[in-house]
C-alpha atoms as a PDB file:
ATOM      1  CA  MET A   1     -33.218  -2.853  19.957  1.00  0.00           C
ATOM      2  CA  ARG A   2     -32.546   0.089  17.698  1.00  0.00           C
ATOM      3  CA  LEU A   3     -29.891  -0.212  15.051  1.00  0.00           C
ATOM      4  CA  GLY A   4     -27.225   2.419  14.658  1.00  0.00           C
ATOM      5  CA  VAL A   5     -27.297   4.680  11.615  1.00  0.00           C
ATOM      6  CA  VAL A   6     -24.437   2.871   9.862  1.00  0.00           C
ATOM      7  CA  GLN A   7     -25.806  -0.606  10.549  1.00  0.00           C
ATOM      8  CA  LYS A   8     -29.319   0.416   9.491  1.00  0.00           C
ATOM      9  CA  SER A   9     -27.920   1.912   6.259  1.00  0.00           C
ATOM     10  CA  VAL A  10     -25.959  -1.252   5.482  1.00  0.00           C
ATOM     11  CA  VAL A  11     -28.980  -3.469   6.215  1.00  0.00           C
ATOM     12  CA  TRP A  12     -31.272  -1.431   3.964  1.00  0.00           C
ATOM     13  CA  THR A  13     -28.666  -1.123   1.196  1.00  0.00           C
ATOM     14  CA  THR A  14     -28.029  -4.864   1.010  1.00  0.00           C
ATOM     15  CA  ILE A  15     -31.734  -5.695   1.148  1.00  0.00           C
ATOM     16  CA  VAL A  16     -32.598  -3.177  -1.566  1.00  0.00           C
ATOM     17  CA  VAL A  17     -29.762  -4.293  -3.873  1.00  0.00           C
ATOM     18  CA  VAL A  18     -30.528  -8.004  -3.493  1.00  0.00           C
ATOM     19  CA  ALA A  19     -34.272  -7.361  -3.998  1.00  0.00           C
ATOM     20  CA  LEU A  20     -33.853  -5.082  -7.034  1.00  0.00           C
ATOM     21  CA  THR A  21     -31.338  -7.324  -8.793  1.00  0.00           C
ATOM     22  CA  GLY A  22     -33.505 -10.389  -8.190  1.00  0.00           C
ATOM     23  CA  LEU A  23     -36.633  -8.609  -9.366  1.00  0.00           C
ATOM     24  CA  ALA A  24     -34.885  -7.192 -12.451  1.00  0.00           C
ATOM     25  CA  TRP A  25     -33.552 -10.632 -13.359  1.00  0.00           C
ATOM     26  CA  PHE A  26     -37.025 -12.170 -12.896  1.00  0.00           C
ATOM     27  CA  ILE A  27     -38.571  -9.503 -15.127  1.00  0.00           C
ATOM     28  CA  LEU A  28     -35.964  -9.937 -17.878  1.00  0.00           C
ATOM     29  CA  HIS A  29     -35.867 -13.717 -17.694  1.00  0.00           C
ATOM     30  CA  ASP A  30     -39.508 -14.630 -17.087  1.00  0.00           C
ATOM     31  CA  LEU A  31     -41.725 -11.711 -18.015  1.00  0.00           C
ATOM     32  CA  VAL A  32     -39.889 -10.091 -20.931  1.00  0.00           C
ATOM     33  CA  GLU A  33     -38.226 -13.387 -21.879  1.00  0.00           C
ATOM     34  CA  THR A  34     -35.158 -11.850 -23.439  1.00  0.00           C
ATOM     35  CA  GLU A  35     -32.322 -14.058 -24.607  1.00  0.00           C
ATOM     36  CA  ARG A  36     -29.644 -14.665 -22.041  1.00  0.00           C
ATOM     37  CA  GLY A  37     -27.110 -11.954 -22.390  1.00  0.00           C
ATOM     38  CA  GLU A  38     -24.675  -9.765 -20.550  1.00  0.00           C
ATOM     39  CA  ALA A  39     -27.424  -7.903 -18.643  1.00  0.00           C
ATOM     40  CA  GLN A  40     -28.844 -11.096 -17.150  1.00  0.00           C
ATOM     41  CA  ARG A  41     -25.374 -12.403 -16.286  1.00  0.00           C
ATOM     42  CA  LEU A  42     -24.489  -9.113 -14.605  1.00  0.00           C
ATOM     43  CA  LEU A  43     -27.786  -9.087 -12.660  1.00  0.00           C
ATOM     44  CA  LEU A  44     -27.213 -12.657 -11.433  1.00  0.00           C
ATOM     45  CA  THR A  45     -23.655 -11.795 -10.411  1.00  0.00           C
ATOM     46  CA  LEU A  46     -24.779  -8.699  -8.514  1.00  0.00           C
ATOM     47  CA  HIS A  47     -27.641 -10.677  -6.981  1.00  0.00           C
ATOM     48  CA  GLY A  48     -25.252 -13.373  -5.740  1.00  0.00           C
ATOM     49  CA  ILE A  49     -22.762 -10.878  -4.323  1.00  0.00           C
ATOM     50  CA  SER A  50     -25.493  -8.847  -2.610  1.00  0.00           C
ATOM     51  CA  ALA A  51     -27.060 -12.072  -1.279  1.00  0.00           C
ATOM     52  CA  TYR A  52     -23.771 -12.974   0.416  1.00  0.00           C
ATOM     53  CA  ALA A  53     -23.546  -9.429   1.796  1.00  0.00           C
ATOM     54  CA  THR A  54     -27.122  -9.711   3.054  1.00  0.00           C
ATOM     55  CA  LEU A  55     -26.319 -12.968   4.858  1.00  0.00           C
ATOM     56  CA  ILE A  56     -23.310 -11.344   6.519  1.00  0.00           C
ATOM     57  CA  VAL A  57     -25.379  -8.313   7.545  1.00  0.00           C
ATOM     58  CA  MET A  58     -28.214 -10.481   8.875  1.00  0.00           C
ATOM     59  CA  GLY A  59     -25.674 -12.538  10.792  1.00  0.00           C
ATOM     60  CA  SER A  60     -24.458  -9.331  12.420  1.00  0.00           C
ATOM     61  CA  LEU A  61     -28.007  -8.719  13.673  1.00  0.00           C
ATOM     62  CA  LEU A  62     -28.359 -12.089  15.407  1.00  0.00           C
ATOM     63  CA  PRO A  63     -26.332 -11.501  18.615  1.00  0.00           C
ATOM     64  CA  LEU A  64     -27.945  -8.212  19.630  1.00  0.00           C
ATOM     65  CA  HIS A  65     -30.908  -7.116  17.528  1.00  0.00           C
ATOM     66  CA  VAL A  66     -32.624 -10.470  17.027  1.00  0.00           C
ATOM     67  CA  ARG A  67     -31.742 -11.825  20.457  1.00  0.00           C
ATOM     68  CA  SER A  68     -32.906  -8.637  22.204  1.00  0.00           C
ATOM     69  CA  GLY A  69     -36.194  -8.565  20.301  1.00  0.00           C
ATOM     70  CA  TRP A  70     -36.823 -12.228  21.023  1.00  0.00           C
ATOM     71  CA  HIS A  71     -36.193 -11.874  24.748  1.00  0.00           C
ATOM     72  CA  ARG A  72     -38.383  -8.766  24.916  1.00  0.00           C
ATOM     73  CA  ARG A  73     -41.113 -10.602  22.984  1.00  0.00           C
ATOM     74  CA  ARG A  74     -41.257  -7.793  20.427  1.00  0.00           C
ATOM     75  CA  LYS A  75     -42.184  -8.305  16.787  1.00  0.00           C
ATOM     76  CA  ARG A  76     -41.486 -12.014  17.026  1.00  0.00           C
ATOM     77  CA  TRP A  77     -43.864 -12.856  14.203  1.00  0.00           C
ATOM     78  CA  THR A  78     -42.445 -10.472  11.597  1.00  0.00           C
ATOM     79  CA  GLY A  79     -38.853 -10.859  12.783  1.00  0.00           C
ATOM     80  CA  GLY A  80     -39.040 -14.654  12.963  1.00  0.00           C
ATOM     81  CA  THR A  81     -40.802 -14.904   9.618  1.00  0.00           C
ATOM     82  CA  THR A  82     -38.283 -12.575   7.981  1.00  0.00           C
ATOM     83  CA  LEU A  83     -35.393 -14.584   9.400  1.00  0.00           C
ATOM     84  CA  ALA A  84     -36.969 -17.889   8.305  1.00  0.00           C
ATOM     85  CA  ALA A  85     -37.603 -16.480   4.822  1.00  0.00           C
ATOM     86  CA  LEU A  86     -33.965 -15.391   4.538  1.00  0.00           C
ATOM     87  CA  VAL A  87     -32.800 -18.870   5.562  1.00  0.00           C
ATOM     88  CA  LEU A  88     -35.086 -20.434   2.937  1.00  0.00           C
ATOM     89  CA  LEU A  89     -33.817 -17.965   0.326  1.00  0.00           C
ATOM     90  CA  ALA A  90     -30.236 -18.923   1.155  1.00  0.00           C
ATOM     91  CA  MET A  91     -31.071 -22.640   0.962  1.00  0.00           C
ATOM     92  CA  THR A  92     -32.952 -22.405  -2.331  1.00  0.00           C
ATOM     93  CA  GLY A  93     -30.190 -20.158  -3.708  1.00  0.00           C
ATOM     94  CA  LEU A  94     -27.663 -22.869  -2.921  1.00  0.00           C
ATOM     95  CA  VAL A  95     -29.881 -25.485  -4.573  1.00  0.00           C
ATOM     96  CA  LEU A  96     -30.145 -23.255  -7.666  1.00  0.00           C
ATOM     97  CA  TYR A  97     -26.389 -22.927  -7.853  1.00  0.00           C
ATOM     98  CA  TYR A  98     -25.264 -26.395  -6.781  1.00  0.00           C
ATOM     99  CA  GLY A  99     -28.348 -28.585  -7.272  1.00  0.00           C
ATOM    100  CA  GLY A 100     -29.121 -30.767 -10.216  1.00  0.00           C
ATOM    101  CA  GLU A 101     -31.522 -30.153 -13.062  1.00  0.00           C
ATOM    102  CA  GLU A 102     -34.239 -32.205 -11.344  1.00  0.00           C
ATOM    103  CA  THR A 103     -34.432 -29.736  -8.428  1.00  0.00           C
ATOM    104  CA  ARG A 104     -33.739 -26.481 -10.261  1.00  0.00           C
ATOM    105  CA  GLU A 105     -37.245 -25.543 -11.430  1.00  0.00           C
ATOM    106  CA  THR A 106     -38.892 -26.236  -8.062  1.00  0.00           C
ATOM    107  CA  ALA A 107     -36.155 -24.392  -6.169  1.00  0.00           C
ATOM    108  CA  ARG A 108     -36.365 -21.473  -8.606  1.00  0.00           C
ATOM    109  CA  TRP A 109     -40.085 -20.901  -8.079  1.00  0.00           C
ATOM    110  CA  ILE A 110     -39.799 -21.320  -4.310  1.00  0.00           C
ATOM    111  CA  HIS A 111     -36.900 -18.838  -4.338  1.00  0.00           C
ATOM    112  CA  ILE A 112     -38.841 -16.329  -6.449  1.00  0.00           C
ATOM    113  CA  GLY A 113     -42.000 -16.642  -4.328  1.00  0.00           C
ATOM    114  CA  ILE A 114     -40.185 -16.293  -1.012  1.00  0.00           C
ATOM    115  CA  GLY A 115     -38.031 -13.478  -2.428  1.00  0.00           C
ATOM    116  CA  ILE A 116     -41.077 -11.461  -3.431  1.00  0.00           C
ATOM    117  CA  ALA A 117     -42.766 -12.149  -0.088  1.00  0.00           C
ATOM    118  CA  CYS A 118     -39.610 -11.243   1.848  1.00  0.00           C
ATOM    119  CA  THR A 119     -39.273  -8.022  -0.128  1.00  0.00           C
ATOM    120  CA  ALA A 120     -42.678  -7.071   1.280  1.00  0.00           C
ATOM    121  CA  LEU A 121     -42.178  -8.576   4.744  1.00  0.00           C
ATOM    122  CA  PHE A 122     -38.921  -6.823   5.619  1.00  0.00           C
ATOM    123  CA  PRO A 123     -40.401  -3.299   5.295  1.00  0.00           C
ATOM    124  CA  VAL A 124     -43.435  -4.407   7.351  1.00  0.00           C
ATOM    125  CA  HIS A 125     -41.063  -5.479  10.137  1.00  0.00           C
ATOM    126  CA  ALA A 126     -39.287  -2.108   9.954  1.00  0.00           C
ATOM    127  CA  MET A 127     -42.562  -0.128   9.883  1.00  0.00           C
ATOM    128  CA  LEU A 128     -43.846  -1.997  12.924  1.00  0.00           C
ATOM    129  CA  ALA A 129     -40.626  -1.117  14.724  1.00  0.00           C
ATOM    130  CA  ARG A 130     -41.160   2.552  13.898  1.00  0.00           C
ATOM    131  CA  ALA A 131     -44.779   2.401  15.081  1.00  0.00           C
ATOM    132  CA  VAL A 132     -43.796   0.716  18.360  1.00  0.00           C
ATOM    133  CA  ARG A 133     -40.994   3.254  18.878  1.00  0.00           C
ATOM    134  CA  ARG A 134     -43.382   6.167  18.309  1.00  0.00           C
ATOM    135  CA  SER A 135     -45.966   4.808  20.740  1.00  0.00           C
ATOM    136  CA  THR A 136     -43.254   4.138  23.334  1.00  0.00           C
ATOM    137  CA  ASP A 137     -41.844   7.643  22.871  1.00  0.00           C
ATOM    138  CA  ARG A 138     -45.333   9.144  23.265  1.00  0.00           C
ATOM    139  CA  ALA A 139     -45.958   7.138  26.423  1.00  0.00           C
ATOM    140  CA  ALA A 140     -42.639   8.280  27.899  1.00  0.00           C
ATOM    141  CA  SER A 141     -43.063  11.956  26.976  1.00  0.00           C
ATOM    142  CA  PRO A 142     -44.179  14.474  29.641  1.00  0.00           C
ATOM    143  CA  GLN A 143     -47.912  15.078  29.832  1.00  0.00           C
ATOM    144  CA  GLU A 144     -49.587  18.029  31.544  1.00  0.00           C
ATOM    145  CA  GLY A 145     -46.734  18.897  33.878  1.00  0.00           C
ATOM    146  CA  ALA A 146     -46.311  15.383  35.238  1.00  0.00           C
ATOM    147  CA  ALA A 147     -42.755  15.133  33.924  1.00  0.00           C
ATOM    148  CA  GLU A 148     -41.195  15.901  37.290  1.00  0.00           C
ATOM    149  CA  SER A 149     -43.162  13.216  39.116  1.00  0.00           C
ATOM    150  CA  ARG A 150     -42.432  10.439  36.652  1.00  0.00           C
ATOM    151  CA  PRO A 151     -38.960   8.814  36.623  1.00  0.00           C
ATOM    152  CA  ARG A 152     -37.126   8.785  33.312  1.00  0.00           C
ATOM    153  CA  LEU A 153     -36.991   5.431  31.583  1.00  0.00           C
ATOM    154  CA  ALA A 154     -33.516   3.912  31.472  1.00  0.00           C
ATOM    155  CA  PRO A 155     -32.401   2.110  28.316  1.00  0.00           C
ATOM    156  CA  ALA A 156     -33.316  -1.556  28.480  1.00  0.00           C
ATOM    157  CA  SER A 157     -29.756  -2.647  27.749  1.00  0.00           C
ATOM    158  CA  ILE A 158     -28.398  -1.222  31.026  1.00  0.00           C
ATOM    159  CA  GLY A 159     -27.820  -3.987  33.517  1.00  0.00           C
ATOM    160  CA  ARG A 160     -28.775  -6.805  31.158  1.00  0.00           C
ATOM    161  CA  ARG A 161     -26.533  -9.507  29.821  1.00  0.00           C
END
């Protein structure tokens, strides 16, 4: 099921912000190893806020987008994996925030690994959707004057509940 322009923009904005703030924090904290300062605190704050926004946005996709794709058996692997990765990110994020010191390091590396993988997986899911849409549009387009003999395809949402 195609997303509307506004919903697609909100989905991409939240995903990009949460990914960039997480990646920037990882670079500053683990690769550059700067002392904790205002920049890292601000990045973690923005990351947490955008993570909540991402969860809300992903929740808005469940009733129509995810359900429709699942019933149509379309992109189940990338969609299901993306959804599972987001759930694991939310769980490890909660462990990082509320868990004890004994779980923090393990949860941190799981969170970082899944976050990096999800940052790559989400665009793959979107690119596959674009490729499927293009092939469907090509198959439905008129070819060699046969447009009059072929019935137009109705949207799949008509008549379904």
